Amino acid sequence: AISIFVMPPSLQALKRRLAKRKTETTSEMTRRLAVARREIEARSLYDFVVVNWKINQAVKEIESILE
């Protein structure tokens, strides 16, 4: 098995994406960003890290890893 961590380009980018979706309350977004911070800090535990700048590129990178 391999592990792949898909991370946002930055926490600010993640915050913008979440705000744009309008699917979470402010407190839910705050909690989610805190979880994301902890997950990003643990990224070295994964075999691969893919930064999700653009979804199509991230998918290509993941497909390449899986091949």
PDB file of N, CA and C in Angstrom:
ATOM      1  N   ALA A   1       0.842  -1.188   0.000  1.00  0.00           N
ATOM      2  CA  ALA A   1       0.000   0.000   0.000  1.00  0.00           C
ATOM      3  C   ALA A   1       0.884   1.247   0.000  1.00  0.00           C
ATOM      4  N   ILE A   2       0.391   2.270  -0.641  1.00  0.00           N
ATOM      5  CA  ILE A   2       1.064   3.570  -0.598  1.00  0.00           C
ATOM      6  C   ILE A   2       0.091   4.584  -0.025  1.00  0.00           C
ATOM      7  N   SER A   3       0.646   5.617   0.555  1.00  0.00           N
ATOM      8  CA  SER A   3      -0.211   6.675   1.100  1.00  0.00           C
ATOM      9  C   SER A   3       0.078   7.972   0.352  1.00  0.00           C
ATOM     10  N   ILE A   4      -1.008   8.675   0.047  1.00  0.00           N
ATOM     11  CA  ILE A   4      -0.912   9.945  -0.679  1.00  0.00           C
ATOM     12  C   ILE A   4      -1.647  11.000   0.132  1.00  0.00           C
ATOM     13  N   PHE A   5      -0.957  12.061   0.438  1.00  0.00           N
ATOM     14  CA  PHE A   5      -1.575  13.189   1.144  1.00  0.00           C
ATOM     15  C   PHE A   5      -1.859  14.283   0.124  1.00  0.00           C
ATOM     16  N   VAL A   6      -3.116  14.633  -0.022  1.00  0.00           N
ATOM     17  CA  VAL A   6      -3.510  15.722  -0.920  1.00  0.00           C
ATOM     18  C   VAL A   6      -3.714  16.954  -0.054  1.00  0.00           C
ATOM     19  N   MET A   7      -2.893  17.967  -0.308  1.00  0.00           N
ATOM     20  CA  MET A   7      -2.954  19.148   0.545  1.00  0.00           C
ATOM     21  C   MET A   7      -3.287  20.403  -0.267  1.00  0.00           C
ATOM     22  N   PRO A   8      -3.871  21.374   0.382  1.00  0.00           N
ATOM     23  CA  PRO A   8      -4.162  22.640  -0.306  1.00  0.00           C
ATOM     24  C   PRO A   8      -2.872  23.419  -0.530  1.00  0.00           C
ATOM     25  N   PRO A   9      -2.880  24.343  -1.473  1.00  0.00           N
ATOM     26  CA  PRO A   9      -1.686  25.162  -1.715  1.00  0.00           C
ATOM     27  C   PRO A   9      -1.280  25.953  -0.473  1.00  0.00           C
ATOM     28  N   SER A  10      -2.267  26.340   0.335  1.00  0.00           N
ATOM     29  CA  SER A  10      -2.020  27.076   1.580  1.00  0.00           C
ATOM     30  C   SER A  10      -3.292  27.003   2.423  1.00  0.00           C
ATOM     31  N   LEU A  11      -3.158  27.339   3.690  1.00  0.00           N
ATOM     32  CA  LEU A  11      -4.355  27.386   4.537  1.00  0.00           C
ATOM     33  C   LEU A  11      -5.292  28.510   4.094  1.00  0.00           C
ATOM     34  N   GLN A  12      -4.712  29.603   3.597  1.00  0.00           N
ATOM     35  CA  GLN A  12      -5.535  30.706   3.104  1.00  0.00           C
ATOM     36  C   GLN A  12      -6.354  30.259   1.888  1.00  0.00           C
ATOM     37  N   ALA A  13      -5.733  29.482   1.002  1.00  0.00           N
ATOM     38  CA  ALA A  13      -6.453  28.970  -0.174  1.00  0.00           C
ATOM     39  C   ALA A  13      -7.570  28.033   0.261  1.00  0.00           C
ATOM     40  N   LEU A  14      -7.289  27.187   1.246  1.00  0.00           N
ATOM     41  CA  LEU A  14      -8.324  26.294   1.754  1.00  0.00           C
ATOM     42  C   LEU A  14      -9.474  27.095   2.346  1.00  0.00           C
ATOM     43  N   LYS A  15      -9.152  28.122   3.106  1.00  0.00           N
ATOM     44  CA  LYS A  15     -10.196  28.962   3.713  1.00  0.00           C
ATOM     45  C   LYS A  15     -11.057  29.616   2.634  1.00  0.00           C
ATOM     46  N   ARG A  16     -10.421  30.119   1.571  1.00  0.00           N
ATOM     47  CA  ARG A  16     -11.189  30.722   0.465  1.00  0.00           C
ATOM     48  C   ARG A  16     -12.097  29.696  -0.201  1.00  0.00           C
ATOM     49  N   ARG A  17     -11.569  28.499  -0.423  1.00  0.00           N
ATOM     50  CA  ARG A  17     -12.368  27.447  -1.065  1.00  0.00           C
ATOM     51  C   ARG A  17     -13.562  27.071  -0.211  1.00  0.00           C
ATOM     52  N   LEU A  18     -13.346  26.925   1.077  1.00  0.00           N
ATOM     53  CA  LEU A  18     -14.448  26.576   1.972  1.00  0.00           C
ATOM     54  C   LEU A  18     -15.487  27.693   2.024  1.00  0.00           C
ATOM     55  N   ALA A  19     -15.028  28.928   2.098  1.00  0.00           N
ATOM     56  CA  ALA A  19     -15.951  30.064   2.153  1.00  0.00           C
ATOM     57  C   ALA A  19     -16.775  30.154   0.866  1.00  0.00           C
ATOM     58  N   LYS A  20     -16.135  29.892  -0.262  1.00  0.00           N
ATOM     59  CA  LYS A  20     -16.824  29.963  -1.554  1.00  0.00           C
ATOM     60  C   LYS A  20     -17.930  28.909  -1.658  1.00  0.00           C
ATOM     61  N   ARG A  21     -17.705  27.752  -1.075  1.00  0.00           N
ATOM     62  CA  ARG A  21     -18.706  26.673  -1.121  1.00  0.00           C
ATOM     63  C   ARG A  21     -19.950  26.998  -0.300  1.00  0.00           C
ATOM     64  N   LYS A  22     -19.762  27.745   0.789  1.00  0.00           N
ATOM     65  CA  LYS A  22     -20.866  28.121   1.687  1.00  0.00           C
ATOM     66  C   LYS A  22     -21.611  26.902   2.230  1.00  0.00           C
ATOM     67  N   THR A  23     -20.855  25.856   2.576  1.00  0.00           N
ATOM     68  CA  THR A  23     -21.474  24.631   3.088  1.00  0.00           C
ATOM     69  C   THR A  23     -21.259  24.448   4.584  1.00  0.00           C
ATOM     70  N   GLU A  24     -20.480  25.340   5.211  1.00  0.00           N
ATOM     71  CA  GLU A  24     -20.164  25.198   6.623  1.00  0.00           C
ATOM     72  C   GLU A  24     -20.346  26.513   7.356  1.00  0.00           C
ATOM     73  N   THR A  25     -20.681  26.406   8.617  1.00  0.00           N
ATOM     74  CA  THR A  25     -20.778  27.594   9.443  1.00  0.00           C
ATOM     75  C   THR A  25     -19.362  28.094   9.738  1.00  0.00           C
ATOM     76  N   THR A  26     -19.274  29.276  10.298  1.00  0.00           N
ATOM     77  CA  THR A  26     -17.971  29.838  10.657  1.00  0.00           C
ATOM     78  C   THR A  26     -17.243  28.940  11.653  1.00  0.00           C
ATOM     79  N   SER A  27     -17.967  28.430  12.650  1.00  0.00           N
ATOM     80  CA  SER A  27     -17.323  27.564  13.648  1.00  0.00           C
ATOM     81  C   SER A  27     -16.881  26.240  13.025  1.00  0.00           C
ATOM     82  N   GLU A  28     -17.667  25.703  12.106  1.00  0.00           N
ATOM     83  CA  GLU A  28     -17.270  24.476  11.423  1.00  0.00           C
ATOM     84  C   GLU A  28     -16.025  24.716  10.568  1.00  0.00           C
ATOM     85  N   MET A  29     -15.975  25.867   9.916  1.00  0.00           N
ATOM     86  CA  MET A  29     -14.822  26.188   9.087  1.00  0.00           C
ATOM     87  C   MET A  29     -13.575  26.354   9.959  1.00  0.00           C
ATOM     88  N   THR A  30     -13.709  26.987  11.097  1.00  0.00           N
ATOM     89  CA  THR A  30     -12.591  27.160  12.024  1.00  0.00           C
ATOM     90  C   THR A  30     -12.070  25.804  12.485  1.00  0.00           C
ATOM     91  N   ARG A  31     -12.986  24.913  12.837  1.00  0.00           N
ATOM     92  CA  ARG A  31     -12.603  23.564  13.265  1.00  0.00           C
ATOM     93  C   ARG A  31     -11.918  22.822  12.126  1.00  0.00           C
ATOM     94  N   ARG A  32     -12.465  22.925  10.932  1.00  0.00           N
ATOM     95  CA  ARG A  32     -11.884  22.223   9.780  1.00  0.00           C
ATOM     96  C   ARG A  32     -10.477  22.738   9.454  1.00  0.00           C
ATOM     97  N   LEU A  33     -10.279  24.033   9.563  1.00  0.00           N
ATOM     98  CA  LEU A  33      -8.954  24.600   9.309  1.00  0.00           C
ATOM     99  C   LEU A  33      -7.947  24.147  10.365  1.00  0.00           C
ATOM    100  N   ALA A  34      -8.394  24.019  11.610  1.00  0.00           N
ATOM    101  CA  ALA A  34      -7.510  23.530  12.677  1.00  0.00           C
ATOM    102  C   ALA A  34      -7.098  22.084  12.410  1.00  0.00           C
ATOM    103  N   VAL A  35      -8.047  21.278  11.972  1.00  0.00           N
ATOM    104  CA  VAL A  35      -7.748  19.885  11.623  1.00  0.00           C
ATOM    105  C   VAL A  35      -6.772  19.849  10.448  1.00  0.00           C
ATOM    106  N   ALA A  36      -7.006  20.690   9.449  1.00  0.00           N
ATOM    107  CA  ALA A  36      -6.130  20.746   8.276  1.00  0.00           C
ATOM    108  C   ALA A  36      -4.705  21.111   8.681  1.00  0.00           C
ATOM    109  N   ARG A  37      -4.566  22.054   9.606  1.00  0.00           N
ATOM    110  CA  ARG A  37      -3.231  22.433  10.089  1.00  0.00           C
ATOM    111  C   ARG A  37      -2.486  21.232  10.665  1.00  0.00           C
ATOM    112  N   ARG A  38      -3.178  20.468  11.501  1.00  0.00           N
ATOM    113  CA  ARG A  38      -2.560  19.283  12.114  1.00  0.00           C
ATOM    114  C   ARG A  38      -2.223  18.234  11.047  1.00  0.00           C
ATOM    115  N   GLU A  39      -3.116  18.052  10.091  1.00  0.00           N
ATOM    116  CA  GLU A  39      -2.870  17.071   9.032  1.00  0.00           C
ATOM    117  C   GLU A  39      -1.670  17.484   8.175  1.00  0.00           C
ATOM    118  N   ILE A  40      -1.581  18.761   7.849  1.00  0.00           N
ATOM    119  CA  ILE A  40      -0.462  19.256   7.046  1.00  0.00           C
ATOM    120  C   ILE A  40       0.858  19.051   7.790  1.00  0.00           C
ATOM    121  N   GLU A  41       0.856  19.266   9.091  1.00  0.00           N
ATOM    122  CA  GLU A  41       2.059  19.057   9.899  1.00  0.00           C
ATOM    123  C   GLU A  41       2.517  17.598   9.852  1.00  0.00           C
ATOM    124  N   ALA A  42       1.591  16.674   9.623  1.00  0.00           N
ATOM    125  CA  ALA A  42       1.911  15.238   9.601  1.00  0.00           C
ATOM    126  C   ALA A  42       2.169  14.715   8.184  1.00  0.00           C
ATOM    127  N   ARG A  43       2.283  15.595   7.222  1.00  0.00           N
ATOM    128  CA  ARG A  43       2.415  15.164   5.823  1.00  0.00           C
ATOM    129  C   ARG A  43       3.654  14.310   5.573  1.00  0.00           C
ATOM    130  N   SER A  44       4.674  14.455   6.387  1.00  0.00           N
ATOM    131  CA  SER A  44       5.894  13.664   6.185  1.00  0.00           C
ATOM    132  C   SER A  44       5.664  12.173   6.460  1.00  0.00           C
ATOM    133  N   LEU A  45       4.544  11.831   7.066  1.00  0.00           N
ATOM    134  CA  LEU A  45       4.232  10.431   7.341  1.00  0.00           C
ATOM    135  C   LEU A  45       3.721   9.698   6.100  1.00  0.00           C
ATOM    136  N   TYR A  46       3.427  10.438   5.047  1.00  0.00           N
ATOM    137  CA  TYR A  46       2.881   9.861   3.820  1.00  0.00           C
ATOM    138  C   TYR A  46       4.004   9.563   2.829  1.00  0.00           C
ATOM    139  N   ASP A  47       3.732   8.629   1.934  1.00  0.00           N
ATOM    140  CA  ASP A  47       4.710   8.286   0.899  1.00  0.00           C
ATOM    141  C   ASP A  47       4.822   9.386  -0.154  1.00  0.00           C
ATOM    142  N   PHE A  48       3.699  10.019  -0.469  1.00  0.00           N
ATOM    143  CA  PHE A  48       3.662  11.066  -1.486  1.00  0.00           C
ATOM    144  C   PHE A  48       2.803  12.226  -0.991  1.00  0.00           C
ATOM    145  N   VAL A  49       3.172  13.421  -1.424  1.00  0.00           N
ATOM    146  CA  VAL A  49       2.375  14.616  -1.131  1.00  0.00           C
ATOM    147  C   VAL A  49       2.036  15.269  -2.467  1.00  0.00           C
ATOM    148  N   VAL A  50       0.745  15.504  -2.692  1.00  0.00           N
ATOM    149  CA  VAL A  50       0.282  16.167  -3.902  1.00  0.00           C
ATOM    150  C   VAL A  50      -0.384  17.469  -3.477  1.00  0.00           C
ATOM    151  N   VAL A  51       0.085  18.575  -4.026  1.00  0.00           N
ATOM    152  CA  VAL A  51      -0.517  19.877  -3.720  1.00  0.00           C
ATOM    153  C   VAL A  51      -1.629  20.122  -4.734  1.00  0.00           C
ATOM    154  N   ASN A  52      -2.816  20.380  -4.224  1.00  0.00           N
ATOM    155  CA  ASN A  52      -3.989  20.562  -5.069  1.00  0.00           C
ATOM    156  C   ASN A  52      -4.118  22.024  -5.510  1.00  0.00           C
ATOM    157  N   TRP A  53      -3.238  22.420  -6.421  1.00  0.00           N
ATOM    158  CA  TRP A  53      -3.343  23.772  -6.999  1.00  0.00           C
ATOM    159  C   TRP A  53      -4.560  23.828  -7.902  1.00  0.00           C
ATOM    160  N   LYS A  54      -4.635  22.855  -8.795  1.00  0.00           N
ATOM    161  CA  LYS A  54      -5.774  22.718  -9.710  1.00  0.00           C
ATOM    162  C   LYS A  54      -6.139  21.247  -9.726  1.00  0.00           C
ATOM    163  N   ILE A  55      -7.420  20.964  -9.629  1.00  0.00           N
ATOM    164  CA  ILE A  55      -7.884  19.589  -9.472  1.00  0.00           C
ATOM    165  C   ILE A  55      -7.406  18.678 -10.598  1.00  0.00           C
ATOM    166  N   ASN A  56      -7.457  19.149 -11.842  1.00  0.00           N
ATOM    167  CA  ASN A  56      -7.055  18.294 -12.961  1.00  0.00           C
ATOM    168  C   ASN A  56      -5.585  17.893 -12.854  1.00  0.00           C
ATOM    169  N   GLN A  57      -4.740  18.825 -12.455  1.00  0.00           N
ATOM    170  CA  GLN A  57      -3.314  18.519 -12.293  1.00  0.00           C
ATOM    171  C   GLN A  57      -3.091  17.565 -11.129  1.00  0.00           C
ATOM    172  N   ALA A  58      -3.800  17.768 -10.037  1.00  0.00           N
ATOM    173  CA  ALA A  58      -3.662  16.878  -8.878  1.00  0.00           C
ATOM    174  C   ALA A  58      -4.083  15.457  -9.248  1.00  0.00           C
ATOM    175  N   VAL A  59      -5.158  15.331 -10.001  1.00  0.00           N
ATOM    176  CA  VAL A  59      -5.617  14.004 -10.438  1.00  0.00           C
ATOM    177  C   VAL A  59      -4.554  13.344 -11.308  1.00  0.00           C
ATOM    178  N   LYS A  60      -3.954  14.092 -12.219  1.00  0.00           N
ATOM    179  CA  LYS A  60      -2.890  13.544 -13.088  1.00  0.00           C
ATOM    180  C   LYS A  60      -1.712  13.059 -12.245  1.00  0.00           C
ATOM    181  N   GLU A  61      -1.336  13.852 -11.244  1.00  0.00           N
ATOM    182  CA  GLU A  61      -0.213  13.457 -10.388  1.00  0.00           C
ATOM    183  C   GLU A  61      -0.531  12.178  -9.623  1.00  0.00           C
ATOM    184  N   ILE A  62      -1.744  12.067  -9.121  1.00  0.00           N
ATOM    185  CA  ILE A  62      -2.152  10.867  -8.381  1.00  0.00           C
ATOM    186  C   ILE A  62      -2.185   9.656  -9.316  1.00  0.00           C
ATOM    187  N   GLU A  63      -2.718   9.855 -10.508  1.00  0.00           N
ATOM    188  CA  GLU A  63      -2.732   8.757 -11.491  1.00  0.00           C
ATOM    189  C   GLU A  63      -1.307   8.299 -11.798  1.00  0.00           C
ATOM    190  N   SER A  64      -0.396   9.243 -11.935  1.00  0.00           N
ATOM    191  CA  SER A  64       1.001   8.917 -12.203  1.00  0.00           C
ATOM    192  C   SER A  64       1.618   8.121 -11.047  1.00  0.00           C
ATOM    193  N   ILE A  65       1.310   8.497  -9.847  1.00  0.00           N
ATOM    194  CA  ILE A  65       1.809   7.778  -8.674  1.00  0.00           C
ATOM    195  C   ILE A  65       1.280   6.352  -8.676  1.00  0.00           C
ATOM    196  N   LEU A  66       0.005   6.206  -8.995  1.00  0.00           N
ATOM    197  CA  LEU A  66      -0.623   4.886  -8.961  1.00  0.00           C
ATOM    198  C   LEU A  66      -0.139   3.958 -10.058  1.00  0.00           C
ATOM    199  N   GLU A  67       0.312   4.555 -11.159  1.00  0.00           N
ATOM    200  CA  GLU A  67       0.839   3.730 -12.256  1.00  0.00           C
ATOM    201  C   GLU A  67       2.184   3.184 -11.851  1.00  0.00           C
TER     202      GLU A  67
END
